[in-house]
């Protein structure tokens, strides 16, 4: 067969496949038949013709012909040669349009192919240095591939990564505020916690960042992984920023993590904390190589703040000069700026007399009886109640699972309260 004849046969084959997609995208029975045909065509034959698919995609509607569109799009998009030929920025519009418009029911019939298309989008926007263009389509992809809001998908981590790179931290909250109970792949959980922790760090929501980084460090692992190591480095720094100390590993932390993470260089912060400024200067190159130097500088600033907060528990009035000396701050002017910043952020309640340089510390004026505070308390109680019911349901299902009973032993008692960490103190309001 000559080249012209082969090309004609190929085009007719693609046209026939597109006709099947158009005619069999209605009822569940038709979709099942179409899926069978697409799986038969998938592989070498479908990918061999993938370069010709772009014109035919225009004949399909992403929302109506989602399954067939997905097969053609995935075959085309997973070829590096095709992406080079079509032009990355232009093809992004096609992929983004599909992810936002496709039918969730149809794409869940071929989840791996859908995930491949999502990865292509993520890789392309990063290669073009336009991460913001991938945020909306990947958010849509998360919601469509999820079977419930409690499920963690591989798309979560890619979505959070793009939010980080684009510095669109608030966009990341749209998935971070979900309560996750279903995890298929451990790597997805580690990346979700690491990127999520970094987003909360970017927003200076350090308690939430600690929660996610803590989950990455204490998650079950048989071998140490790079994500856990990087999470622990940031966990140390955020712990010092938030609490002035790094807590010990809880009992449920894997022995692998406890044995290996203690060797990380950032652990020495706990040793040199009293002479922190000198320690930071002598190790600045290492902190920069880990992309943690910004956090390290915040640790130093937080140390000053914590020193000032301790003074409020002892004194009613104190001069700025005494504050600078007691808090180990170099100059009176720097001490004044720290105090002003803490007053503005609501971290302390005080007034500064500019005439004599005296600071007067006051009691917290919040009476915790406003309508907003009552609503906040009520929503927190409702969320905790829902979480309690969900955990009780999971515990009941696990306790009846034959595989779980066989592995753990039927005679093992339930967990004691001592098996878990005490709830750390938080400033809820």
Protein backbone atom coordinates (compact mmCIF):
# COMPACT_ATOMS: atom_id res chain seq x y z
CA UNK A 1 0.00 0.00 0.00
CA UNK A 2 1.48 3.39 -1.02
CA UNK A 3 1.65 6.43 1.27
CA UNK A 4 -1.49 8.05 -0.16
CA UNK A 5 -3.56 4.90 0.25
CA UNK A 6 -2.30 4.39 3.80
CA UNK A 7 -3.17 7.98 4.68
CA UNK A 8 -6.66 7.58 3.23
CA UNK A 9 -7.25 4.35 5.18
CA UNK A 10 -6.06 6.03 8.37
CA UNK A 11 -8.41 8.98 7.91
CA UNK A 12 -11.34 6.66 7.21
CA UNK A 13 -10.52 4.70 10.36
CA UNK A 14 -10.47 7.86 12.47
CA UNK A 15 -13.71 9.09 10.85
CA UNK A 16 -15.39 5.78 11.67
CA UNK A 17 -14.24 6.03 15.30
CA UNK A 18 -15.52 9.61 15.57
CA UNK A 19 -18.87 8.47 14.11
CA UNK A 20 -19.09 5.77 16.82
CA UNK A 21 -18.33 8.40 19.49
CA UNK A 22 -21.06 10.68 18.15
CA UNK A 23 -23.62 7.90 17.94
CA UNK A 24 -22.89 6.04 21.19
CA UNK A 25 -22.58 8.80 23.83
CA UNK A 26 -26.15 8.73 25.07
CA UNK A 27 -27.44 6.01 27.39
CA UNK A 28 -25.28 4.01 29.84
CA UNK A 29 -25.65 0.96 27.60
CA UNK A 30 -24.40 2.87 24.58
CA UNK A 31 -21.49 4.28 26.57
CA UNK A 32 -20.53 0.78 27.74
CA UNK A 33 -20.48 -0.39 24.11
CA UNK A 34 -18.49 2.68 23.07
CA UNK A 35 -16.01 2.07 25.87
CA UNK A 36 -15.48 -1.46 24.58
CA UNK A 37 -14.80 -0.14 21.07
CA UNK A 38 -12.41 2.52 22.35
CA UNK A 39 -10.45 -0.01 24.40
CA UNK A 40 -10.12 -2.19 21.31
CA UNK A 41 -8.82 0.78 19.30
CA UNK A 42 -6.55 1.95 22.11
CA UNK A 43 -2.88 1.09 22.09
CA UNK A 44 -0.61 1.13 19.11
CA UNK A 45 -3.34 1.67 16.48
CA UNK A 46 -4.94 4.64 18.22
CA UNK A 47 -1.63 6.27 19.09
CA UNK A 48 -0.21 5.67 15.63
CA UNK A 49 -2.98 7.89 14.22
CA UNK A 50 -2.97 10.42 17.08
CA UNK A 51 -1.33 13.19 15.05
CA UNK A 52 -4.50 13.44 12.94
CA UNK A 53 -6.89 13.80 15.89
CA UNK A 54 -6.98 17.60 16.37
CA UNK A 55 -9.32 18.36 13.44
CA UNK A 56 -11.66 15.59 14.56
CA UNK A 57 -11.82 16.89 18.13
CA UNK A 58 -13.58 19.94 16.72
CA UNK A 59 -16.41 17.62 15.61
CA UNK A 60 -16.99 16.45 19.19
CA UNK A 61 -18.55 18.25 22.15
CA UNK A 62 -16.55 17.83 25.39
CA UNK A 63 -19.68 17.85 27.56
CA UNK A 64 -21.61 15.32 25.43
CA UNK A 65 -18.91 13.08 23.96
CA UNK A 66 -16.62 13.16 27.00
CA UNK A 67 -15.51 9.52 26.95
CA UNK A 68 -14.56 9.44 23.28
CA UNK A 69 -13.08 12.93 23.43
CA UNK A 70 -10.94 11.78 26.37
CA UNK A 71 -9.53 8.81 24.48
CA UNK A 72 -8.58 10.92 21.46
CA UNK A 73 -7.24 13.80 23.55
CA UNK A 74 -5.14 11.55 25.79
CA UNK A 75 -3.65 9.69 22.81
CA UNK A 76 -2.68 13.01 21.20
CA UNK A 77 -1.53 14.85 24.32
CA UNK A 78 0.74 12.09 25.65
CA UNK A 79 2.90 12.34 22.51
CA UNK A 80 5.72 14.87 22.92
CA UNK A 81 6.02 15.19 19.13
CA UNK A 82 2.34 16.11 18.83
CA UNK A 83 2.65 18.79 21.51
CA UNK A 84 5.65 20.31 19.77
CA UNK A 85 3.82 20.41 16.45
CA UNK A 86 0.57 21.91 17.71
CA UNK A 87 2.10 24.61 19.94
CA UNK A 88 1.82 24.38 23.71
CA UNK A 89 -0.05 27.60 24.50
CA UNK A 90 -2.72 27.05 21.85
CA UNK A 91 -3.36 23.44 22.82
CA UNK A 92 -3.77 24.46 26.47
CA UNK A 93 -7.08 26.04 25.51
CA UNK A 94 -8.31 22.69 24.17
CA UNK A 95 -7.27 20.75 27.28
CA UNK A 96 -8.58 23.39 29.68
CA UNK A 97 -11.90 23.55 27.86
CA UNK A 98 -12.28 19.78 28.07
CA UNK A 99 -11.47 19.57 31.80
CA UNK A 100 -13.98 22.27 32.69
CA UNK A 101 -16.80 21.03 30.43
CA UNK A 102 -16.54 17.21 30.43
CA UNK A 103 -19.08 14.88 32.03
CA UNK A 104 -17.93 13.49 35.38
CA UNK A 105 -19.83 10.24 34.85
CA UNK A 106 -18.15 9.59 31.51
CA UNK A 107 -14.56 10.45 32.42
CA UNK A 108 -14.73 8.24 35.52
CA UNK A 109 -15.03 5.29 33.15
CA UNK A 110 -11.38 5.89 32.16
CA UNK A 111 -9.79 7.56 35.21
CA UNK A 112 -6.17 6.83 34.29
CA UNK A 113 -6.54 8.54 30.93
CA UNK A 114 -8.18 11.53 32.61
CA UNK A 115 -5.29 11.76 35.07
CA UNK A 116 -2.82 11.62 32.15
CA UNK A 117 -4.53 14.61 30.52
CA UNK A 118 -4.39 16.52 33.83
CA UNK A 119 -0.67 15.81 34.12
CA UNK A 120 -0.08 17.05 30.58
CA UNK A 121 -1.86 20.31 31.42
CA UNK A 122 0.18 20.73 34.60
CA UNK A 123 3.46 20.02 32.79
CA UNK A 124 2.62 22.39 29.93
CA UNK A 125 1.69 25.39 32.09
CA UNK A 126 4.84 24.87 34.16
CA UNK A 127 6.98 24.58 31.03
CA UNK A 128 5.45 27.80 29.70
CA UNK A 129 5.88 29.45 33.12
CA UNK A 130 2.15 30.19 33.26
CA UNK A 131 0.95 28.15 36.26
CA UNK A 132 -2.05 30.42 36.80
CA UNK A 133 -3.60 29.14 33.55
CA UNK A 134 -3.89 25.66 35.00
CA UNK A 135 -5.61 26.51 38.27
CA UNK A 136 -9.25 26.71 37.13
CA UNK A 137 -9.20 23.61 34.88
CA UNK A 138 -7.40 21.49 37.48
CA UNK A 139 -9.85 22.59 40.18
CA UNK A 140 -12.67 21.42 37.90
CA UNK A 141 -10.76 18.18 37.32
CA UNK A 142 -10.47 17.54 41.07
CA UNK A 143 -14.22 17.86 41.55
CA UNK A 144 -15.05 15.69 38.54
CA UNK A 145 -12.71 12.79 39.26
CA UNK A 146 -13.68 12.71 42.96
CA UNK A 147 -16.41 10.27 43.94
CA UNK A 148 -16.91 12.31 47.14
CA UNK A 149 -15.40 15.47 48.72
CA UNK A 150 -13.63 13.17 51.20
CA UNK A 151 -11.53 11.46 48.51
CA UNK A 152 -7.92 12.49 47.85
CA UNK A 153 -6.97 12.25 44.18
CA UNK A 154 -3.61 12.55 42.37
CA UNK A 155 -4.89 15.84 40.89
CA UNK A 156 -4.99 17.46 44.34
CA UNK A 157 -1.21 17.73 44.59
CA UNK A 158 -0.81 19.09 41.05
CA UNK A 159 -3.52 21.67 41.71
CA UNK A 160 -1.88 22.81 44.95
CA UNK A 161 1.51 23.00 43.24
CA UNK A 162 0.14 25.36 40.60
CA UNK A 163 -1.50 27.49 43.31
CA UNK A 164 1.89 27.73 45.02
CA UNK A 165 3.80 28.61 41.87
CA UNK A 166 1.21 31.23 40.90
CA UNK A 167 1.05 32.49 44.53
CA UNK A 168 -2.72 32.07 44.44
CA UNK A 169 -2.86 30.75 47.98
CA UNK A 170 -6.55 31.39 48.58
CA UNK A 171 -7.41 29.23 45.57
CA UNK A 172 -5.70 26.33 47.32
CA UNK A 173 -8.08 26.64 50.27
CA UNK A 174 -10.92 25.39 48.06
CA UNK A 175 -9.55 21.84 48.44
CA UNK A 176 -7.55 22.18 51.66
CA UNK A 177 -10.68 22.93 53.67
CA UNK A 178 -12.20 19.53 52.76
CA UNK A 179 -11.94 16.75 55.34
CA UNK A 180 -10.03 13.93 53.64
CA UNK A 181 -10.74 10.34 54.69
CA UNK A 182 -10.09 8.33 51.50
CA UNK A 183 -6.52 7.96 50.22
CA UNK A 184 -5.48 5.53 47.47
CA UNK A 185 -1.77 6.28 47.02
CA UNK A 186 0.59 7.28 49.88
CA UNK A 187 2.53 9.64 47.60
CA UNK A 188 -0.66 11.64 46.98
CA UNK A 189 -1.07 12.16 50.72
CA UNK A 190 2.55 13.21 51.29
CA UNK A 191 2.44 15.75 48.44
CA UNK A 192 -0.98 17.05 49.50
CA UNK A 193 0.26 17.68 53.04
CA UNK A 194 3.56 19.21 51.88
CA UNK A 195 2.11 21.59 49.30
CA UNK A 196 -0.86 22.36 51.53
CA UNK A 197 1.48 23.18 54.40
CA UNK A 198 3.44 25.53 52.16
CA UNK A 199 0.25 27.30 51.08
CA UNK A 200 -0.72 27.89 54.71
CA UNK A 201 2.83 29.12 55.39
CA UNK A 202 2.43 31.58 52.52
CA UNK A 203 -0.77 32.83 54.17
CA UNK A 204 0.95 32.86 57.60
CA UNK A 205 -1.65 30.45 58.95
CA UNK A 206 0.96 28.56 60.90
CA UNK A 207 -1.33 26.32 63.03
CA UNK A 208 -2.92 24.90 59.86
CA UNK A 209 0.51 24.53 58.25
CA UNK A 210 1.71 22.60 61.31
CA UNK A 211 -1.27 20.28 61.10
CA UNK A 212 -0.56 19.28 57.50
CA UNK A 213 3.23 19.04 57.88
CA UNK A 214 2.70 16.95 61.03
CA UNK A 215 0.57 14.55 58.97
CA UNK A 216 3.34 14.21 56.37
CA UNK A 217 5.96 13.50 59.03
CA UNK A 218 3.90 11.00 61.04
CA UNK A 219 2.20 9.16 58.14
CA UNK A 220 3.03 5.43 58.00
CA UNK A 221 6.18 4.73 55.97
CA UNK A 222 8.46 1.73 55.64
CA UNK A 223 11.19 3.77 53.93
CA UNK A 224 12.10 7.40 54.37
CA UNK A 225 11.06 9.54 51.41
CA UNK A 226 12.23 12.96 50.25
CA UNK A 227 8.81 14.55 50.78
CA UNK A 228 8.80 13.58 54.47
CA UNK A 229 12.33 14.96 54.88
CA UNK A 230 11.43 18.34 53.36
CA UNK A 231 8.19 18.39 55.36
CA UNK A 232 10.12 17.83 58.58
CA UNK A 233 12.53 20.67 57.85
CA UNK A 234 9.60 23.05 57.46
CA UNK A 235 7.80 21.47 60.41
CA UNK A 236 10.74 22.36 62.68
CA UNK A 237 10.80 25.97 61.49
CA UNK A 238 7.03 26.47 61.68
CA UNK A 239 6.94 24.89 65.16
CA UNK A 240 9.54 27.39 66.34
CA UNK A 241 7.60 30.27 64.75
CA UNK A 242 4.30 29.22 66.28
CA UNK A 243 5.27 27.68 69.62
CA UNK A 244 8.95 28.46 70.24
CA UNK A 245 9.78 24.76 70.47
CA UNK A 246 9.66 21.54 68.48
CA UNK A 247 7.52 18.77 70.00
CA UNK A 248 8.82 15.22 70.24
CA UNK A 249 7.52 12.58 67.86
CA UNK A 250 4.15 11.13 68.87
CA UNK A 251 3.91 7.39 69.59
CA UNK A 252 2.22 6.56 66.31
CA UNK A 253 5.11 7.96 64.21
CA UNK A 254 6.81 5.19 62.24
CA UNK A 255 10.15 3.97 63.56
CA UNK A 256 11.64 4.79 60.14
CA UNK A 257 10.73 8.45 60.54
CA UNK A 258 11.82 8.68 64.17
CA UNK A 259 15.16 7.05 63.44
CA UNK A 260 16.09 9.03 60.34
CA UNK A 261 14.46 12.45 60.63
CA UNK A 262 16.34 13.30 63.81
CA UNK A 263 19.51 13.48 61.72
CA UNK A 264 18.21 16.43 59.70
CA UNK A 265 20.30 19.58 60.04
CA UNK A 266 17.37 21.82 60.99
CA UNK A 267 16.98 19.85 64.24
CA UNK A 268 20.00 21.76 65.55
CA UNK A 269 17.74 24.83 65.74
CA UNK A 270 16.49 23.46 69.04
CA UNK A 271 20.06 23.41 70.35
CA UNK A 272 21.13 26.85 69.12
CA UNK A 273 17.82 28.62 69.69
CA UNK A 274 19.22 30.91 72.45
CA UNK A 275 21.93 32.10 70.01
CA UNK A 276 19.75 31.91 66.96
CA UNK A 277 21.01 34.93 65.04
CA UNK A 278 24.60 33.64 64.99
CA UNK A 279 23.44 30.16 64.02
CA UNK A 280 21.39 31.52 61.10
CA UNK A 281 24.29 33.58 59.76
CA UNK A 282 26.70 30.66 59.89
CA UNK A 283 24.27 28.31 58.10
CA UNK A 284 22.65 30.76 55.68
CA UNK A 285 23.95 28.95 52.56
CA UNK A 286 22.34 25.66 53.59
CA UNK A 287 19.01 27.32 54.40
CA UNK A 288 19.00 29.05 51.02
CA UNK A 289 19.74 25.79 49.19
CA UNK A 290 16.73 24.23 50.93
CA UNK A 291 14.55 27.25 50.00
CA UNK A 292 13.91 27.75 53.71
CA UNK A 293 15.79 30.99 54.35
CA UNK A 294 12.59 33.06 54.35
CA UNK A 295 11.12 30.80 57.03
CA UNK A 296 14.35 30.94 59.00
CA UNK A 297 14.19 34.73 59.16
CA UNK A 298 10.61 34.44 60.42
CA UNK A 299 11.87 32.13 63.18
CA UNK A 300 14.18 34.90 64.34
CA UNK A 301 11.37 37.45 64.24
CA UNK A 302 9.05 35.10 66.13
CA UNK A 303 11.66 34.62 68.84
CA UNK A 304 11.60 38.37 69.48
CA UNK A 305 7.78 38.33 69.56
CA UNK A 306 7.68 35.43 72.00
CA UNK A 307 10.15 37.22 74.25
CA UNK A 308 7.95 40.33 74.18
CA UNK A 309 4.82 38.28 74.91
CA UNK A 310 6.49 36.82 77.99
CA UNK A 311 7.16 40.34 79.21
CA UNK A 312 3.42 41.14 79.04
CA UNK A 313 2.79 38.39 81.58
CA UNK A 314 5.13 40.02 84.10
CA UNK A 315 4.96 43.78 83.64
CA UNK A 316 2.20 46.38 83.35
CA UNK A 317 4.54 49.03 81.92
CA UNK A 318 8.03 48.78 80.50
CA UNK A 319 10.32 51.09 78.56
CA UNK A 320 11.21 50.34 74.96
CA UNK A 321 14.86 50.23 76.02
CA UNK A 322 14.13 47.53 78.61
CA UNK A 323 12.07 45.60 76.07
CA UNK A 324 14.96 45.67 73.60
CA UNK A 325 17.36 44.39 76.26
CA UNK A 326 15.06 41.70 77.65
CA UNK A 327 13.90 40.46 74.23
CA UNK A 328 17.49 40.39 72.82
CA UNK A 329 16.66 42.97 70.14
CA UNK A 330 19.58 45.02 68.83
CA UNK A 331 18.08 48.54 68.92
CA UNK A 332 15.26 50.42 70.62
CA UNK A 333 13.86 51.35 67.20
CA UNK A 334 13.62 47.65 66.21
CA UNK A 335 11.92 46.88 69.52
CA UNK A 336 9.37 49.62 68.88
CA UNK A 337 8.63 48.25 65.38
CA UNK A 338 8.11 44.74 66.78
CA UNK A 339 5.73 46.04 69.45
CA UNK A 340 3.77 48.12 66.92
CA UNK A 341 3.48 45.14 64.59
CA UNK A 342 2.24 42.88 67.38
CA UNK A 343 -0.35 45.47 68.44
CA UNK A 344 -1.57 45.78 64.85
CA UNK A 345 -1.83 42.00 64.46
CA UNK A 346 -3.69 41.63 67.76
CA UNK A 347 -0.90 39.52 69.28
CA UNK A 348 -0.62 41.84 72.29
CA UNK A 349 -2.76 44.64 73.68
CA UNK A 350 -0.70 47.69 74.52
CA UNK A 351 -0.15 51.41 73.94
CA UNK A 352 3.12 53.27 73.42
CA UNK A 353 3.73 56.68 74.94
CA UNK A 354 5.94 58.33 72.36
CA UNK A 355 6.91 61.11 74.77
CA UNK A 356 8.71 58.97 77.33
CA UNK A 357 9.10 55.72 75.36
CA UNK A 358 7.01 53.68 77.81
CA UNK A 359 4.80 50.75 76.78
CA UNK A 360 1.64 49.99 78.79
CA UNK A 361 0.26 46.46 78.51
CA UNK A 362 -3.51 45.85 78.71
CA UNK A 363 -5.90 42.93 79.16
CA UNK A 364 -7.56 41.33 76.13
CA UNK A 365 -10.70 43.43 75.44
CA UNK A 366 -12.51 40.58 73.67
CA UNK A 367 -15.56 39.45 75.71
CA UNK A 368 -16.40 36.48 73.43
CA UNK A 369 -20.10 37.32 73.32
CA UNK A 370 -20.57 38.95 69.93
CA UNK A 371 -22.86 37.45 67.28
CA UNK A 372 -19.87 36.64 65.08
CA UNK A 373 -18.13 34.79 67.91
CA UNK A 374 -21.24 32.77 68.76
CA UNK A 375 -21.63 31.79 65.10
CA UNK A 376 -17.97 30.80 64.96
CA UNK A 377 -18.31 28.61 68.05
CA UNK A 378 -21.48 27.03 66.70
CA UNK A 379 -19.91 26.19 63.32
CA UNK A 380 -16.86 24.70 65.07
CA UNK A 381 -19.08 22.49 67.24
CA UNK A 382 -21.06 21.30 64.22
CA UNK A 383 -17.89 20.45 62.30
CA UNK A 384 -16.41 18.55 65.25
CA UNK A 385 -19.66 16.63 65.71
CA UNK A 386 -19.68 15.63 62.03
CA UNK A 387 -16.03 14.55 62.24
CA UNK A 388 -16.74 12.51 65.36
CA UNK A 389 -19.57 10.64 63.63
CA UNK A 390 -17.41 10.00 60.56
CA UNK A 391 -14.52 8.65 62.62
CA UNK A 392 -16.88 6.42 64.59
CA UNK A 393 -18.23 5.03 61.30
CA UNK A 394 -14.72 4.37 59.96
CA UNK A 395 -13.71 2.70 63.22
CA UNK A 396 -16.77 0.45 63.08
CA UNK A 397 -16.12 -0.53 59.45
CA UNK A 398 -12.47 -1.32 60.19
CA UNK A 399 -13.32 -3.38 63.25
CA UNK A 400 -15.56 -5.58 61.06
CA UNK A 401 -13.13 -5.90 58.14
CA UNK A 402 -11.90 -9.55 57.93
CA UNK A 403 -8.56 -8.54 56.41
CA UNK A 404 -7.95 -6.02 59.19
CA UNK A 405 -8.89 -8.49 61.90
CA UNK A 406 -6.63 -11.15 60.40
CA UNK A 407 -3.66 -8.79 60.24
CA UNK A 408 -4.00 -7.19 63.67
CA UNK A 409 -5.34 -10.14 65.65
CA UNK A 410 -8.88 -10.52 66.90
CA UNK A 411 -7.88 -10.27 70.54
CA UNK A 412 -6.26 -6.83 70.34
CA UNK A 413 -8.03 -4.33 72.55
CA UNK A 414 -9.17 -0.94 71.38
CA UNK A 415 -6.78 2.00 71.59
CA UNK A 416 -6.29 3.59 74.96
CA UNK A 417 -6.29 7.32 75.40
CA UNK A 418 -2.56 7.13 76.17
CA UNK A 419 -1.89 5.89 72.63
CA UNK A 420 -2.57 9.37 71.29
CA UNK A 421 -1.02 12.78 71.79
CA UNK A 422 -2.82 15.16 74.14
CA UNK A 423 -4.54 17.98 72.29
CA UNK A 424 -2.04 20.84 72.12
CA UNK A 425 -3.16 24.25 73.36
CA UNK A 426 -4.58 26.48 70.63
CA UNK A 427 -5.81 30.03 70.46
CA UNK A 428 -9.16 29.27 68.92
CA UNK A 429 -10.63 32.76 69.11
